[in-house]
Amino acid sequence: MNEKAVLKISHTEAHTELLGPYDRFVIWVHGCCFDCEGCLAFNTRYGEYTEMSVDELTERIIKSNCEGITISGGEPFLQTAALVALVKAVRSVRDTGVIVYSGFTLKELQSNTDYMKLLELADILIDGRYIKELDDGRAYIGSSNQRLYYLTDRYREIGRKYYSASKRRAEIKFGRDKVSLIGVPSATVLKIWEEIKSKNGGIGDDF
């Protein structure tokens, strides 16, 4: 059990195919060491967060019966120890794929022995800071400097089709007490989102 392992979480979303192949459980961790201009998920650095035990989140993921986990943020590798415990706990119950988005480059991660502990559990890494001037509209990836690495063969075949999509996809979710934008939005969806936030007094979470 991991009663003492705690994660700072900005948001979780079960049952989405917007951030990886198949049905996914997505975790947006809170906290980031980068300050990328134009970052859509700025609230994962400056917004509110919930502290959640690894045991509680493990239970949620297993109950969701999603094929895989996508970990984004924020910067996942700032919470490496707890995320390693989470992935191992989930995989001890069920075979589960793992995709990680990080502002660190693969080379930077490989030079850090602690970060490698999480990297070694990932099937796909999408790396690199978001650079606004290099945002080329690619589906599922923010800017052209960012790279996708197949670290295992788990998603290699389906990934070629999934990540070659010609259009970006995003969802606007209306919850009981908040509105959220999930995914990498196109310019059209982003415009609609800004209009919704404007009508909502500027309140809304971007993930």
C-alpha atoms as a PDB file:
ATOM      1  CA  MET A   1       0.000   0.000   0.000  1.00  0.00           C
ATOM      2  CA  ASN A   2       1.064   3.614  -0.587  1.00  0.00           C
ATOM      3  CA  GLU A   3      -0.806   5.558   2.111  1.00  0.00           C
ATOM      4  CA  LYS A   4       2.031   8.088   2.419  1.00  0.00           C
ATOM      5  CA  ALA A   5       2.505   8.653  -1.314  1.00  0.00           C
ATOM      6  CA  VAL A   6       0.548  11.751  -2.333  1.00  0.00           C
ATOM      7  CA  LEU A   7       0.136  13.477  -5.676  1.00  0.00           C
ATOM      8  CA  LYS A   8      -0.814  17.080  -6.399  1.00  0.00           C
ATOM      9  CA  ILE A   9      -3.501  16.809  -9.066  1.00  0.00           C
ATOM     10  CA  SER A  10      -5.072  19.583 -11.147  1.00  0.00           C
ATOM     11  CA  HIS A  11      -7.598  17.338 -12.868  1.00  0.00           C
ATOM     12  CA  THR A  12      -8.379  13.772 -13.896  1.00  0.00           C
ATOM     13  CA  GLU A  13     -10.569  12.575 -16.740  1.00  0.00           C
ATOM     14  CA  ALA A  14     -11.619   8.998 -17.393  1.00  0.00           C
ATOM     15  CA  HIS A  15     -12.770   7.618 -20.738  1.00  0.00           C
ATOM     16  CA  THR A  16     -11.274   9.910 -23.349  1.00  0.00           C
ATOM     17  CA  GLU A  17      -9.363   9.208 -26.566  1.00  0.00           C
ATOM     18  CA  LEU A  18      -8.036  12.748 -26.919  1.00  0.00           C
ATOM     19  CA  LEU A  19      -4.579  12.199 -25.439  1.00  0.00           C
ATOM     20  CA  GLY A  20      -3.590   8.789 -26.693  1.00  0.00           C
ATOM     21  CA  PRO A  21      -4.942   5.703 -28.457  1.00  0.00           C
ATOM     22  CA  TYR A  22      -7.782   3.679 -26.963  1.00  0.00           C
ATOM     23  CA  ASP A  23      -9.847   4.544 -23.898  1.00  0.00           C
ATOM     24  CA  ARG A  24      -7.647   6.470 -21.465  1.00  0.00           C
ATOM     25  CA  PHE A  25      -7.563   7.764 -17.920  1.00  0.00           C
ATOM     26  CA  VAL A  26      -5.816  11.133 -18.074  1.00  0.00           C
ATOM     27  CA  ILE A  27      -4.030  12.745 -15.131  1.00  0.00           C
ATOM     28  CA  TRP A  28      -2.962  16.387 -15.147  1.00  0.00           C
ATOM     29  CA  VAL A  29      -0.488  16.849 -12.308  1.00  0.00           C
ATOM     30  CA  HIS A  30      -0.102  20.234 -10.652  1.00  0.00           C
ATOM     31  CA  GLY A  31       3.168  22.142 -10.637  1.00  0.00           C
ATOM     32  CA  CYS A  32       5.644  23.038 -13.351  1.00  0.00           C
ATOM     33  CA  CYS A  33       9.216  24.308 -13.532  1.00  0.00           C
ATOM     34  CA  PHE A  34       8.705  25.861 -16.966  1.00  0.00           C
ATOM     35  CA  ASP A  35       6.837  29.027 -17.915  1.00  0.00           C
ATOM     36  CA  CYS A  36       6.134  28.583 -21.615  1.00  0.00           C
ATOM     37  CA  GLU A  37       4.540  31.592 -23.290  1.00  0.00           C
ATOM     38  CA  GLY A  38       1.078  30.731 -24.549  1.00  0.00           C
ATOM     39  CA  CYS A  39       0.818  27.490 -22.580  1.00  0.00           C
ATOM     40  CA  LEU A  40      -2.828  26.484 -22.598  1.00  0.00           C
ATOM     41  CA  ALA A  41      -2.582  24.564 -19.323  1.00  0.00           C
ATOM     42  CA  PHE A  42      -1.299  27.463 -17.226  1.00  0.00           C
ATOM     43  CA  ASN A  43      -3.816  26.599 -14.498  1.00  0.00           C
ATOM     44  CA  THR A  44      -1.853  23.419 -13.792  1.00  0.00           C
ATOM     45  CA  ARG A  45       0.863  25.705 -12.479  1.00  0.00           C
ATOM     46  CA  TYR A  46      -1.092  28.598 -11.004  1.00  0.00           C
ATOM     47  CA  GLY A  47      -4.560  27.159 -10.387  1.00  0.00           C
ATOM     48  CA  GLU A  48      -6.085  25.100  -7.620  1.00  0.00           C
ATOM     49  CA  TYR A  49      -5.158  21.498  -7.010  1.00  0.00           C
ATOM     50  CA  THR A  50      -6.194  18.475  -4.981  1.00  0.00           C
ATOM     51  CA  GLU A  51      -3.885  16.265  -2.972  1.00  0.00           C
ATOM     52  CA  MET A  52      -4.695  12.637  -3.709  1.00  0.00           C
ATOM     53  CA  SER A  53      -3.090   9.501  -2.341  1.00  0.00           C
ATOM     54  CA  VAL A  54      -1.602   6.990  -4.746  1.00  0.00           C
ATOM     55  CA  ASP A  55      -3.934   4.356  -3.307  1.00  0.00           C
ATOM     56  CA  GLU A  56      -7.053   6.444  -4.035  1.00  0.00           C
ATOM     57  CA  LEU A  57      -5.986   7.279  -7.584  1.00  0.00           C
ATOM     58  CA  THR A  58      -4.961   3.677  -8.245  1.00  0.00           C
ATOM     59  CA  GLU A  59      -8.445   2.544  -7.247  1.00  0.00           C
ATOM     60  CA  ARG A  60     -10.076   5.092  -9.558  1.00  0.00           C
ATOM     61  CA  ILE A  61      -7.942   4.033 -12.515  1.00  0.00           C
ATOM     62  CA  ILE A  62      -8.599   0.329 -11.980  1.00  0.00           C
ATOM     63  CA  LYS A  63     -12.357   0.889 -11.593  1.00  0.00           C
ATOM     64  CA  SER A  64     -12.420   2.904 -14.825  1.00  0.00           C
ATOM     65  CA  ASN A  65     -11.174  -0.153 -16.746  1.00  0.00           C
ATOM     66  CA  CYS A  66      -9.412   2.190 -19.192  1.00  0.00           C
ATOM     67  CA  GLU A  67      -6.787   0.633 -21.454  1.00  0.00           C
ATOM     68  CA  GLY A  68      -4.140   3.125 -20.462  1.00  0.00           C
ATOM     69  CA  ILE A  69      -3.043   6.167 -18.487  1.00  0.00           C
ATOM     70  CA  THR A  70      -1.885   9.464 -19.966  1.00  0.00           C
ATOM     71  CA  ILE A  71       0.076  11.675 -17.581  1.00  0.00           C
ATOM     72  CA  SER A  72       0.342  15.357 -18.411  1.00  0.00           C
ATOM     73  CA  GLY A  73       0.515  18.593 -16.498  1.00  0.00           C
ATOM     74  CA  GLY A  74       2.093  20.615 -15.263  1.00  0.00           C
ATOM     75  CA  GLU A  75       5.343  18.692 -15.245  1.00  0.00           C
ATOM     76  CA  PRO A  76       4.960  14.989 -14.369  1.00  0.00           C
ATOM     77  CA  PHE A  77       8.630  14.373 -13.641  1.00  0.00           C
ATOM     78  CA  LEU A  78       8.520  16.773 -10.680  1.00  0.00           C
ATOM     79  CA  GLN A  79       6.400  14.097  -8.965  1.00  0.00           C
ATOM     80  CA  THR A  80       8.354  11.099 -10.185  1.00  0.00           C
ATOM     81  CA  ALA A  81       8.374   9.041  -6.969  1.00  0.00           C
ATOM     82  CA  ALA A  82       4.600   9.121  -6.479  1.00  0.00           C
ATOM     83  CA  LEU A  83       3.909   8.505 -10.184  1.00  0.00           C
ATOM     84  CA  VAL A  84       6.257   5.517 -10.223  1.00  0.00           C
ATOM     85  CA  ALA A  85       4.357   4.117  -7.225  1.00  0.00           C
ATOM     86  CA  LEU A  86       1.055   4.769  -9.029  1.00  0.00           C
ATOM     87  CA  VAL A  87       2.011   3.066 -12.292  1.00  0.00           C
ATOM     88  CA  LYS A  88       3.445   0.048 -10.497  1.00  0.00           C
ATOM     89  CA  ALA A  89       0.345  -0.259  -8.323  1.00  0.00           C
ATOM     90  CA  VAL A  90      -2.005  -0.156 -11.322  1.00  0.00           C
ATOM     91  CA  ARG A  91       0.108  -2.592 -13.317  1.00  0.00           C
ATOM     92  CA  SER A  92       0.194  -5.018 -10.393  1.00  0.00           C
ATOM     93  CA  VAL A  93      -3.545  -5.437 -10.979  1.00  0.00           C
ATOM     94  CA  ARG A  94      -3.909  -4.984 -14.749  1.00  0.00           C
ATOM     95  CA  ASP A  95      -1.734  -4.577 -17.836  1.00  0.00           C
ATOM     96  CA  THR A  96      -1.907  -0.830 -18.499  1.00  0.00           C
ATOM     97  CA  GLY A  97      -0.256   1.390 -21.103  1.00  0.00           C
ATOM     98  CA  VAL A  98       1.404   4.662 -20.085  1.00  0.00           C
ATOM     99  CA  ILE A  99       1.866   7.858 -22.113  1.00  0.00           C
ATOM    100  CA  VAL A 100       3.710  10.824 -20.610  1.00  0.00           C
ATOM    101  CA  TYR A 101       3.845  14.454 -21.778  1.00  0.00           C
ATOM    102  CA  SER A 102       6.852  16.370 -20.439  1.00  0.00           C
ATOM    103  CA  GLY A 103       8.459  19.766 -20.903  1.00  0.00           C
ATOM    104  CA  PHE A 104      11.841  18.105 -20.435  1.00  0.00           C
ATOM    105  CA  THR A 105      13.521  16.661 -23.507  1.00  0.00           C
ATOM    106  CA  LEU A 106      14.327  12.973 -23.693  1.00  0.00           C
ATOM    107  CA  LYS A 107      18.032  13.788 -23.356  1.00  0.00           C
ATOM    108  CA  GLU A 108      17.405  15.828 -20.205  1.00  0.00           C
ATOM    109  CA  LEU A 109      15.362  13.030 -18.676  1.00  0.00           C
ATOM    110  CA  GLN A 110      17.975  10.424 -19.500  1.00  0.00           C
ATOM    111  CA  SER A 111      20.609  12.452 -17.654  1.00  0.00           C
ATOM    112  CA  ASN A 112      18.625  12.305 -14.396  1.00  0.00           C
ATOM    113  CA  THR A 113      18.614   8.960 -12.572  1.00  0.00           C
ATOM    114  CA  ASP A 114      15.436   9.781 -10.630  1.00  0.00           C
ATOM    115  CA  TYR A 115      13.508  10.837 -13.735  1.00  0.00           C
ATOM    116  CA  MET A 116      14.592   7.646 -15.473  1.00  0.00           C
ATOM    117  CA  LYS A 117      12.583   5.607 -12.975  1.00  0.00           C
ATOM    118  CA  LEU A 118       9.367   7.003 -14.448  1.00  0.00           C
ATOM    119  CA  LEU A 119      10.642   7.119 -18.026  1.00  0.00           C
ATOM    120  CA  GLU A 120      11.394   3.387 -17.885  1.00  0.00           C
ATOM    121  CA  LEU A 121       7.695   2.720 -17.183  1.00  0.00           C
ATOM    122  CA  ALA A 122       6.400   4.779 -20.128  1.00  0.00           C
ATOM    123  CA  ASP A 123       5.353   3.361 -23.492  1.00  0.00           C
ATOM    124  CA  ILE A 124       5.294   6.763 -25.207  1.00  0.00           C
ATOM    125  CA  LEU A 125       7.013  10.039 -24.319  1.00  0.00           C
ATOM    126  CA  ILE A 126       6.046  13.359 -25.907  1.00  0.00           C
ATOM    127  CA  ASP A 127       8.800  15.763 -24.919  1.00  0.00           C
ATOM    128  CA  GLY A 128       9.898  19.373 -25.052  1.00  0.00           C
ATOM    129  CA  ARG A 129       8.766  22.843 -23.998  1.00  0.00           C
ATOM    130  CA  TYR A 130       5.829  24.410 -25.779  1.00  0.00           C
ATOM    131  CA  ILE A 131       7.038  27.155 -28.124  1.00  0.00           C
ATOM    132  CA  LYS A 132       4.212  29.389 -29.283  1.00  0.00           C
ATOM    133  CA  GLU A 133       5.972  30.436 -32.507  1.00  0.00           C
ATOM    134  CA  LEU A 134       6.374  26.778 -33.488  1.00  0.00           C
ATOM    135  CA  ASP A 135       2.742  25.813 -32.986  1.00  0.00           C
ATOM    136  CA  ASP A 136       2.033  24.221 -36.360  1.00  0.00           C
ATOM    137  CA  GLY A 137      -1.423  22.802 -35.653  1.00  0.00           C
ATOM    138  CA  ARG A 138      -0.314  19.185 -35.354  1.00  0.00           C
ATOM    139  CA  ALA A 139      -2.879  16.924 -33.717  1.00  0.00           C
ATOM    140  CA  TYR A 140      -2.165  15.978 -30.083  1.00  0.00           C
ATOM    141  CA  ILE A 141       1.151  17.859 -29.979  1.00  0.00           C
ATOM    142  CA  GLY A 142       1.579  21.545 -29.132  1.00  0.00           C
ATOM    143  CA  SER A 143       4.567  22.730 -31.182  1.00  0.00           C
ATOM    144  CA  SER A 144       6.850  21.342 -33.880  1.00  0.00           C
ATOM    145  CA  ASN A 145       9.931  21.120 -31.635  1.00  0.00           C
ATOM    146  CA  GLN A 146       8.213  18.502 -29.506  1.00  0.00           C
ATOM    147  CA  ARG A 147       8.951  14.874 -30.349  1.00  0.00           C
ATOM    148  CA  LEU A 148       7.062  11.622 -29.893  1.00  0.00           C
ATOM    149  CA  TYR A 149       9.104   8.598 -28.843  1.00  0.00           C
ATOM    150  CA  TYR A 150       7.876   5.012 -28.852  1.00  0.00           C
ATOM    151  CA  LEU A 151       9.729   3.647 -25.844  1.00  0.00           C
ATOM    152  CA  THR A 152       8.080   0.229 -26.242  1.00  0.00           C
ATOM    153  CA  ASP A 153       6.156  -1.452 -29.056  1.00  0.00           C
ATOM    154  CA  ARG A 154       2.810  -1.275 -27.250  1.00  0.00           C
ATOM    155  CA  TYR A 155       1.384   1.627 -29.275  1.00  0.00           C
ATOM    156  CA  ARG A 156       3.772   1.642 -32.203  1.00  0.00           C
ATOM    157  CA  GLU A 157       1.358   0.240 -34.788  1.00  0.00           C
ATOM    158  CA  ILE A 158      -1.810   2.085 -33.780  1.00  0.00           C
ATOM    159  CA  GLY A 159       0.221   5.192 -32.974  1.00  0.00           C
ATOM    160  CA  ARG A 160       1.245   5.708 -36.588  1.00  0.00           C
ATOM    161  CA  LYS A 161      -2.415   6.189 -37.513  1.00  0.00           C
ATOM    162  CA  TYR A 162      -3.488   7.974 -34.352  1.00  0.00           C
ATOM    163  CA  TYR A 163      -0.743  10.612 -34.323  1.00  0.00           C
ATOM    164  CA  SER A 164      -0.909  11.233 -38.062  1.00  0.00           C
ATOM    165  CA  ALA A 165      -4.403  12.721 -37.754  1.00  0.00           C
ATOM    166  CA  SER A 166      -4.830  15.847 -39.840  1.00  0.00           C
ATOM    167  CA  LYS A 167      -7.011  17.754 -37.371  1.00  0.00           C
ATOM    168  CA  ARG A 168      -6.763  18.636 -33.717  1.00  0.00           C
ATOM    169  CA  ARG A 169      -9.474  17.418 -31.380  1.00  0.00           C
ATOM    170  CA  ALA A 170     -10.663  18.794 -28.071  1.00  0.00           C
ATOM    171  CA  GLU A 171     -13.696  18.582 -25.807  1.00  0.00           C
ATOM    172  CA  ILE A 172     -15.428  21.216 -23.722  1.00  0.00           C
ATOM    173  CA  LYS A 173     -16.840  19.545 -20.616  1.00  0.00           C
ATOM    174  CA  PHE A 174     -19.514  21.130 -18.467  1.00  0.00           C
ATOM    175  CA  GLY A 175     -19.269  19.863 -14.903  1.00  0.00           C
ATOM    176  CA  ARG A 176     -21.417  20.624 -11.909  1.00  0.00           C
ATOM    177  CA  ASP A 177     -19.199  23.463 -10.727  1.00  0.00           C
ATOM    178  CA  LYS A 178     -16.736  24.122 -13.544  1.00  0.00           C
ATOM    179  CA  VAL A 179     -16.154  24.102 -17.284  1.00  0.00           C
ATOM    180  CA  SER A 180     -13.050  22.416 -18.721  1.00  0.00           C
ATOM    181  CA  LEU A 181     -11.309  22.289 -22.082  1.00  0.00           C
ATOM    182  CA  ILE A 182      -9.576  18.956 -22.673  1.00  0.00           C
ATOM    183  CA  GLY A 183      -7.184  18.105 -25.483  1.00  0.00           C
ATOM    184  CA  VAL A 184      -5.172  20.130 -27.985  1.00  0.00           C
ATOM    185  CA  PRO A 185      -7.714  22.502 -29.542  1.00  0.00           C
ATOM    186  CA  SER A 186      -7.901  23.830 -33.063  1.00  0.00           C
ATOM    187  CA  ALA A 187      -8.132  27.594 -33.582  1.00  0.00           C
ATOM    188  CA  THR A 188     -11.909  27.242 -34.067  1.00  0.00           C
ATOM    189  CA  VAL A 189     -12.437  25.317 -30.824  1.00  0.00           C
ATOM    190  CA  LEU A 190     -10.145  27.732 -28.984  1.00  0.00           C
ATOM    191  CA  LYS A 191     -12.273  30.666 -30.166  1.00  0.00           C
ATOM    192  CA  ILE A 192     -15.451  28.947 -28.947  1.00  0.00           C
ATOM    193  CA  TRP A 193     -13.744  28.208 -25.635  1.00  0.00           C
ATOM    194  CA  GLU A 194     -12.753  31.842 -25.136  1.00  0.00           C
ATOM    195  CA  GLU A 195     -16.355  32.884 -25.821  1.00  0.00           C
ATOM    196  CA  ILE A 196     -17.633  30.389 -23.236  1.00  0.00           C
ATOM    197  CA  LYS A 197     -15.148  31.632 -20.648  1.00  0.00           C
ATOM    198  CA  SER A 198     -16.092  35.228 -21.380  1.00  0.00           C
ATOM    199  CA  LYS A 199     -19.764  34.463 -20.727  1.00  0.00           C
ATOM    200  CA  ASN A 200     -18.711  32.612 -17.594  1.00  0.00           C
ATOM    201  CA  GLY A 201     -16.855  35.568 -16.139  1.00  0.00           C
ATOM    202  CA  GLY A 202     -13.495  34.383 -17.423  1.00  0.00           C
ATOM    203  CA  ILE A 203     -13.696  31.178 -15.404  1.00  0.00           C
ATOM    204  CA  GLY A 204     -12.655  27.894 -16.998  1.00  0.00           C
ATOM    205  CA  ASP A 205      -9.909  25.299 -16.767  1.00  0.00           C
ATOM    206  CA  ASP A 206      -7.630  24.423 -19.693  1.00  0.00           C
ATOM    207  CA  PHE A 207      -6.091  20.954 -19.805  1.00  0.00           C
END
